[in-house]
Amino acid sequence: MFKDKNILITGGMGFIGSNLAIKLVKEGANVTILDSMLDEYGANLYNIKDIKDKVQINFSDMRDEHSLRYLVRGKNYIFNLAGQVSHQDSMRAPLMDLEVNVKAQLNLLEICRLYAPKVVLIYSSTRQIYGHPRYLPVDEEHPLLPPDINGINKLAAEYYHQLYYKVYGLKTVCLRLTNTYGPHQLIKNSRQGFIGWFVNRAILGQTIKLFGTGKQIRDFNYVDDVVNAMCGAALSENTYGNIYNLSGPCASLKKVAELLIKYTGKGNLQIVPFPEERKKIDIGDFYGDSNKLKMAIGWEAKVSLEDGLRKMIDYYQENKDYYLE
């Protein structure tokens, strides 16, 4: 379906972007990766080791309009995955988050309007924009109440993508991701979510610390399911201009930690009080409803949490030297 198509992946050296690039190369696409290589946010050359000679790589920043003018030309699809995803970092460095998650996104949209008006653009948003759920499961009609700066900026970027569809006819789709996990995820710190850090602790035989009670419920998506959703949304014209949840299997944080300890045979679990700065932006229980996307393209999560975590543990036990330095 993507054979011979020209595709740009922003943030393509990162977690989801590299998995997407591998799939698209296998399908015969002409893939260009753009990445600013901010190591602390997960960019890793090892992520594309198997396709490095089959893709074009551009080390630049989405805020650089001169680079973007060149990169978007002639593209059939752009998967817009570049961004700052750490909620804590957004509170510590709000202007940096604004630059990366709003200015850079608007820059890409405006340049696409001018130089690639027929491109299909898939934007990776976040379920964090809903804030504390008023009801569960959360559907796309739920009020939008971001609890932190990252959520506010991701919501602003969503609005820009929708605006450019409505006013300029740019074919945009926004996907609200939940807790995505799997190979290539950043695990040397907690900037890409708690699962990566839990995996770090488990494979090193360290303590996994759970804040609060550990009974908080979340939904989870293995990265292959997310990549399939992105590809399906890009190929279906009836998704253009819309926003969709990506929701997967549910479990408590305690359950996730216990599974990781079981699969590694190492580590231990400790329940600790919430740090004050985390407690203020924690959203409590959260799981979403992705029926809207299922109706549009037939998508639903296929990989169980148990199978996904096993695959993730197997990958990092074999490749940990490339992710723990």
Protein backbone atom coordinates (compact mmCIF):
# COMPACT_ATOMS: atom_id res chain seq x y z
CA MET A 1 0.00 0.00 0.00
CA PHE A 2 2.92 2.35 0.63
CA LYS A 3 5.13 0.88 -2.09
CA ASP A 4 7.05 3.62 -3.95
CA LYS A 5 5.35 6.34 -1.87
CA ASN A 6 7.50 9.20 -0.61
CA ILE A 7 7.24 9.47 3.16
CA LEU A 8 8.69 11.81 5.78
CA ILE A 9 8.80 10.75 9.44
CA THR A 10 9.58 13.54 11.89
CA GLY A 11 11.19 12.15 15.04
CA GLY A 12 12.04 9.04 13.04
CA MET A 13 15.02 8.07 15.19
CA GLY A 14 12.81 7.81 18.25
CA PHE A 15 10.61 5.11 19.68
CA ILE A 16 7.48 5.06 17.54
CA GLY A 17 9.07 6.73 14.52
CA SER A 18 11.75 4.09 14.10
CA ASN A 19 9.24 1.23 14.37
CA LEU A 20 7.10 2.97 11.76
CA ALA A 21 10.11 3.50 9.48
CA ILE A 22 10.97 -0.22 9.60
CA LYS A 23 7.42 -1.19 8.62
CA LEU A 24 7.29 1.31 5.76
CA VAL A 25 10.68 0.26 4.36
CA LYS A 26 9.49 -3.35 4.36
CA GLU A 27 6.48 -2.22 2.32
CA GLY A 28 8.74 -0.60 -0.27
CA ALA A 29 8.26 3.04 0.63
CA ASN A 30 10.86 5.75 0.06
CA VAL A 31 11.40 6.89 3.64
CA THR A 32 13.07 10.08 4.84
CA ILE A 33 13.75 10.49 8.55
CA LEU A 34 14.01 13.90 10.17
CA ASP A 35 15.36 14.02 13.70
CA SER A 36 17.09 16.65 15.81
CA MET A 37 18.80 13.82 17.75
CA LEU A 38 18.03 15.09 21.23
CA ASP A 39 19.43 12.03 22.96
CA GLU A 40 17.65 12.62 26.25
CA TYR A 41 14.30 12.25 24.46
CA GLY A 42 14.97 8.88 22.88
CA ALA A 43 16.67 9.49 19.51
CA ASN A 44 18.95 6.50 18.96
CA LEU A 45 20.79 5.47 15.80
CA TYR A 46 20.60 1.85 16.92
CA ASN A 47 16.83 1.98 16.45
CA ILE A 48 17.26 1.94 12.66
CA LYS A 49 20.31 -0.30 12.41
CA ASP A 50 18.53 -2.76 10.11
CA ILE A 51 17.34 -0.10 7.63
CA LYS A 52 20.00 2.61 7.90
CA ASP A 53 21.11 2.05 4.31
CA LYS A 54 17.53 2.03 3.02
CA VAL A 55 16.37 5.41 4.31
CA GLN A 56 17.41 9.03 3.88
CA ILE A 57 18.38 10.72 7.14
CA ASN A 58 18.26 14.44 7.84
CA PHE A 59 19.59 15.66 11.16
CA SER A 60 17.70 18.89 11.61
CA ASP A 61 15.04 20.57 13.70
CA MET A 62 11.40 21.12 12.72
CA ARG A 63 11.78 24.73 13.75
CA ASP A 64 14.22 25.18 10.85
CA GLU A 65 11.90 26.31 8.05
CA HIS A 66 14.66 26.25 5.44
CA SER A 67 15.27 22.54 6.01
CA LEU A 68 11.55 21.76 6.06
CA ARG A 69 10.93 23.49 2.74
CA TYR A 70 13.24 20.98 1.13
CA LEU A 71 12.07 17.95 3.07
CA VAL A 72 8.30 18.23 2.52
CA ARG A 73 8.43 18.67 -1.25
CA GLY A 74 7.14 15.68 -3.19
CA LYS A 75 6.02 13.78 -0.11
CA ASN A 76 2.84 11.71 -0.22
CA TYR A 77 2.65 11.18 3.54
CA ILE A 78 4.14 12.87 6.58
CA PHE A 79 4.01 11.14 9.96
CA ASN A 80 4.48 13.98 12.43
CA LEU A 81 5.90 12.27 15.54
CA ALA A 82 8.55 14.77 16.66
CA GLY A 83 7.87 16.35 20.01
CA GLN A 84 8.64 16.63 23.68
CA VAL A 85 6.54 14.06 25.57
CA SER A 86 7.66 14.40 29.20
CA HIS A 87 4.99 15.97 31.38
CA GLN A 88 7.49 16.73 34.13
CA ASP A 89 9.94 18.35 31.70
CA SER A 90 7.16 20.54 30.33
CA MET A 91 6.57 21.93 33.81
CA ARG A 92 10.28 22.52 34.40
CA ALA A 93 10.98 24.04 30.97
CA PRO A 94 7.67 25.42 29.66
CA LEU A 95 9.14 27.60 26.93
CA MET A 96 11.10 24.68 25.50
CA ASP A 97 7.91 22.62 25.40
CA LEU A 98 6.11 25.49 23.68
CA GLU A 99 8.83 25.73 21.04
CA VAL A 100 8.87 22.01 20.25
CA ASN A 101 5.20 21.13 20.64
CA VAL A 102 3.57 24.26 19.22
CA LYS A 103 5.92 26.45 17.20
CA ALA A 104 7.54 23.54 15.39
CA GLN A 105 4.14 22.01 14.59
CA LEU A 106 2.76 25.26 13.21
CA ASN A 107 5.94 25.69 11.20
CA LEU A 108 5.44 22.27 9.59
CA LEU A 109 1.79 22.94 8.79
CA GLU A 110 2.49 26.30 7.19
CA ILE A 111 5.30 24.91 5.07
CA CYS A 112 3.12 21.98 3.98
CA ARG A 113 0.43 24.48 2.99
CA LEU A 114 2.90 26.30 0.80
CA TYR A 115 5.06 23.50 -0.59
CA ALA A 116 3.16 20.20 -0.14
CA PRO A 117 -0.58 21.03 -0.15
CA LYS A 118 -1.63 17.51 -1.22
CA VAL A 119 0.29 15.66 1.47
CA VAL A 120 -1.45 13.49 4.10
CA LEU A 121 -0.24 14.45 7.58
CA ILE A 122 -0.69 12.18 10.63
CA TYR A 123 -0.09 13.90 13.99
CA SER A 124 0.63 11.99 17.22
CA SER A 125 -1.21 13.64 20.10
CA THR A 126 -1.83 12.39 23.63
CA ARG A 127 -4.65 11.30 25.93
CA GLN A 128 -3.18 13.70 28.52
CA ILE A 129 -5.25 16.51 26.99
CA TYR A 130 -8.36 15.05 28.66
CA GLY A 131 -6.96 15.57 32.15
CA HIS A 132 -8.80 13.98 35.08
CA PRO A 133 -11.54 11.81 33.55
CA ARG A 134 -15.12 12.79 34.31
CA TYR A 135 -16.26 9.38 33.08
CA LEU A 136 -14.73 6.14 31.84
CA PRO A 137 -14.02 5.01 29.23
CA VAL A 138 -13.05 8.39 27.81
CA ASP A 139 -14.31 9.04 24.29
CA GLU A 140 -13.54 11.91 21.92
CA GLU A 141 -16.53 13.91 23.24
CA HIS A 142 -15.00 14.12 26.73
CA PRO A 143 -14.16 17.67 27.93
CA LEU A 144 -10.58 18.72 27.29
CA LEU A 145 -8.88 19.80 30.51
CA PRO A 146 -5.07 19.36 30.19
CA PRO A 147 -3.46 19.13 33.64
CA ASP A 148 -0.01 20.30 32.56
CA ILE A 149 1.86 22.43 30.04
CA ASN A 150 2.61 19.48 27.77
CA GLY A 151 -1.11 18.70 27.51
CA ILE A 152 -1.98 22.33 26.74
CA ASN A 153 0.64 22.54 24.01
CA LYS A 154 -0.33 19.22 22.43
CA LEU A 155 -3.95 20.38 22.38
CA ALA A 156 -2.92 23.64 20.70
CA ALA A 157 -1.08 21.61 18.05
CA GLU A 158 -4.21 19.53 17.49
CA TYR A 159 -6.23 22.69 16.95
CA TYR A 160 -3.70 23.93 14.39
CA HIS A 161 -3.88 20.63 12.50
CA GLN A 162 -7.67 20.82 12.42
CA LEU A 163 -7.61 24.46 11.39
CA TYR A 164 -5.33 23.77 8.44
CA TYR A 165 -7.72 21.02 7.32
CA LYS A 166 -10.80 23.25 7.59
CA VAL A 167 -9.33 26.41 6.11
CA TYR A 168 -6.70 25.15 3.67
CA GLY A 169 -7.82 21.58 2.96
CA LEU A 170 -4.61 20.04 4.29
CA LYS A 171 -5.29 16.35 4.92
CA THR A 172 -4.53 16.04 8.62
CA VAL A 173 -5.42 13.34 11.15
CA CYS A 174 -4.80 13.57 14.91
CA LEU A 175 -4.32 10.37 16.92
CA ARG A 176 -4.49 10.60 20.70
CA LEU A 177 -2.03 8.02 21.97
CA THR A 178 -2.24 6.39 25.37
CA ASN A 179 0.62 4.50 27.09
CA THR A 180 2.58 3.16 24.13
CA TYR A 181 5.34 0.65 24.91
CA GLY A 182 7.69 -1.77 23.17
CA PRO A 183 11.14 -2.08 21.56
CA HIS A 184 13.10 1.14 20.91
CA GLN A 185 11.42 2.96 23.79
CA LEU A 186 13.61 5.21 25.91
CA ILE A 187 14.39 3.29 29.10
CA LYS A 188 17.42 5.05 30.57
CA ASN A 189 15.12 7.62 32.18
CA SER A 190 11.38 8.15 32.65
CA ARG A 191 10.90 10.83 29.99
CA GLN A 192 8.85 8.54 27.71
CA GLY A 193 6.55 7.27 30.42
CA PHE A 194 6.69 4.94 33.36
CA ILE A 195 6.78 1.63 31.44
CA GLY A 196 10.23 2.32 30.01
CA TRP A 197 11.54 3.12 33.47
CA PHE A 198 9.85 0.07 35.00
CA VAL A 199 11.58 -2.08 32.37
CA ASN A 200 14.90 -0.46 33.26
CA ARG A 201 14.44 -1.29 36.93
CA ALA A 202 13.32 -4.85 36.23
CA ILE A 203 16.10 -5.90 33.86
CA LEU A 204 18.69 -4.39 36.20
CA GLY A 205 17.17 -6.10 39.22
CA GLN A 206 16.34 -2.82 40.94
CA THR A 207 13.28 -1.61 42.85
CA ILE A 208 10.21 -0.48 40.91
CA LYS A 209 8.66 2.34 42.93
CA LEU A 210 4.92 2.87 42.53
CA PHE A 211 3.43 6.19 43.59
CA GLY A 212 0.20 6.28 45.56
CA THR A 213 -1.45 2.87 45.84
CA GLY A 214 -0.33 1.27 42.60
CA LYS A 215 -3.97 0.51 41.85
CA GLN A 216 -4.29 3.29 39.26
CA ILE A 217 -5.76 1.88 36.03
CA ARG A 218 -4.29 2.71 32.63
CA ASP A 219 -4.74 1.43 29.10
CA PHE A 220 -1.75 0.32 27.03
CA ASN A 221 -0.82 -0.09 23.38
CA TYR A 222 2.04 -2.16 22.04
CA VAL A 223 3.95 -0.13 19.47
CA ASP A 224 3.04 -2.39 16.53
CA ASP A 225 -0.64 -1.66 17.13
CA VAL A 226 0.06 2.09 17.16
CA VAL A 227 2.06 1.88 13.93
CA ASN A 228 -0.79 -0.03 12.29
CA ALA A 229 -3.27 2.63 13.40
CA MET A 230 -1.11 5.39 11.92
CA CYS A 231 -0.78 3.59 8.60
CA GLY A 232 -4.48 2.78 8.46
CA ALA A 233 -5.46 6.38 9.22
CA ALA A 234 -3.10 7.67 6.52
CA LEU A 235 -4.58 5.41 3.86
CA SER A 236 -8.26 6.09 4.61
CA GLU A 237 -9.66 9.31 3.17
CA ASN A 238 -12.60 9.34 5.60
CA THR A 239 -10.21 9.95 8.51
CA TYR A 240 -8.97 13.31 7.20
CA GLY A 241 -9.80 16.22 9.45
CA ASN A 242 -10.69 13.96 12.37
CA ILE A 243 -9.35 13.13 15.82
CA TYR A 244 -9.24 9.61 17.25
CA ASN A 245 -8.37 7.85 20.49
CA LEU A 246 -6.04 4.87 20.45
CA SER A 247 -7.03 2.71 23.40
CA GLY A 248 -5.77 -0.73 24.38
CA PRO A 249 -5.84 -3.37 27.14
CA CYS A 250 -6.30 -2.08 30.70
CA ALA A 251 -4.38 -2.96 33.85
CA SER A 252 -3.27 -1.41 37.11
CA LEU A 253 0.25 -0.03 37.43
CA LYS A 254 0.87 -2.66 40.08
CA LYS A 255 -0.08 -5.39 37.60
CA VAL A 256 2.36 -4.05 35.03
CA ALA A 257 5.17 -3.97 37.58
CA GLU A 258 4.39 -7.49 38.76
CA LEU A 259 4.43 -8.82 35.19
CA LEU A 260 7.83 -7.24 34.51
CA ILE A 261 9.29 -8.71 37.69
CA LYS A 262 7.84 -12.09 36.74
CA TYR A 263 9.21 -12.03 33.18
CA THR A 264 12.70 -10.89 34.17
CA GLY A 265 12.89 -12.93 37.36
CA LYS A 266 14.49 -9.87 38.94
CA GLY A 267 13.62 -6.69 40.73
CA ASN A 268 11.10 -5.92 43.43
CA LEU A 269 8.14 -3.66 44.04
CA GLN A 270 7.76 -0.81 46.52
CA ILE A 271 4.72 1.43 47.10
CA VAL A 272 5.75 5.01 47.97
CA PRO A 273 3.89 8.30 48.52
CA PHE A 274 3.36 10.57 45.53
CA PRO A 275 6.01 13.28 45.13
CA GLU A 276 4.17 16.58 45.38
CA GLU A 277 5.12 17.75 41.88
CA ARG A 278 3.80 14.53 40.34
CA LYS A 279 0.65 14.39 42.44
CA LYS A 280 -0.47 17.77 41.12
CA ILE A 281 -0.56 16.57 37.50
CA ASP A 282 -1.51 12.91 37.96
CA ILE A 283 -4.82 12.06 36.26
CA GLY A 284 -5.85 9.05 38.35
CA ASP A 285 -7.53 6.15 36.56
CA PHE A 286 -7.68 6.47 32.79
CA TYR A 287 -8.76 4.28 29.93
CA GLY A 288 -10.18 5.33 26.63
CA ASP A 289 -12.74 4.37 24.02
CA SER A 290 -11.41 3.84 20.48
CA ASN A 291 -14.67 2.81 18.82
CA LYS A 292 -14.55 5.88 16.59
CA LEU A 293 -11.32 4.68 14.98
CA LYS A 294 -12.63 1.12 14.80
CA MET A 295 -15.65 2.37 12.87
CA ALA A 296 -13.46 4.43 10.55
CA ILE A 297 -10.74 1.93 9.63
CA GLY A 298 -11.49 -1.27 11.57
CA TRP A 299 -8.59 -0.71 13.98
CA GLU A 300 -8.36 -2.22 17.43
CA ALA A 301 -5.45 -3.25 19.61
CA LYS A 302 -4.33 -6.82 18.85
CA VAL A 303 -1.40 -7.40 21.19
CA SER A 304 -2.22 -8.36 24.77
CA LEU A 305 -0.38 -6.62 27.59
CA GLU A 306 1.23 -9.91 28.62
CA ASP A 307 2.55 -10.68 25.13
CA GLY A 308 3.68 -7.11 24.57
CA LEU A 309 5.63 -6.91 27.81
CA ARG A 310 7.30 -10.26 27.09
CA LYS A 311 8.41 -8.98 23.68
CA MET A 312 9.69 -5.78 25.22
CA ILE A 313 11.66 -7.59 27.94
CA ASP A 314 13.16 -9.99 25.38
CA TYR A 315 14.30 -7.07 23.23
CA TYR A 316 15.99 -5.14 26.03
CA GLN A 317 17.62 -8.15 27.62
CA GLU A 318 19.29 -8.77 24.26
CA ASN A 319 20.04 -5.12 23.39
CA LYS A 320 20.29 -3.33 26.74
CA ASP A 321 23.85 -2.09 26.13
CA TYR A 322 22.51 0.22 23.41
CA TYR A 323 19.81 1.75 25.62
CA LEU A 324 21.29 2.00 29.11
CA GLU A 325 24.48 3.94 28.47
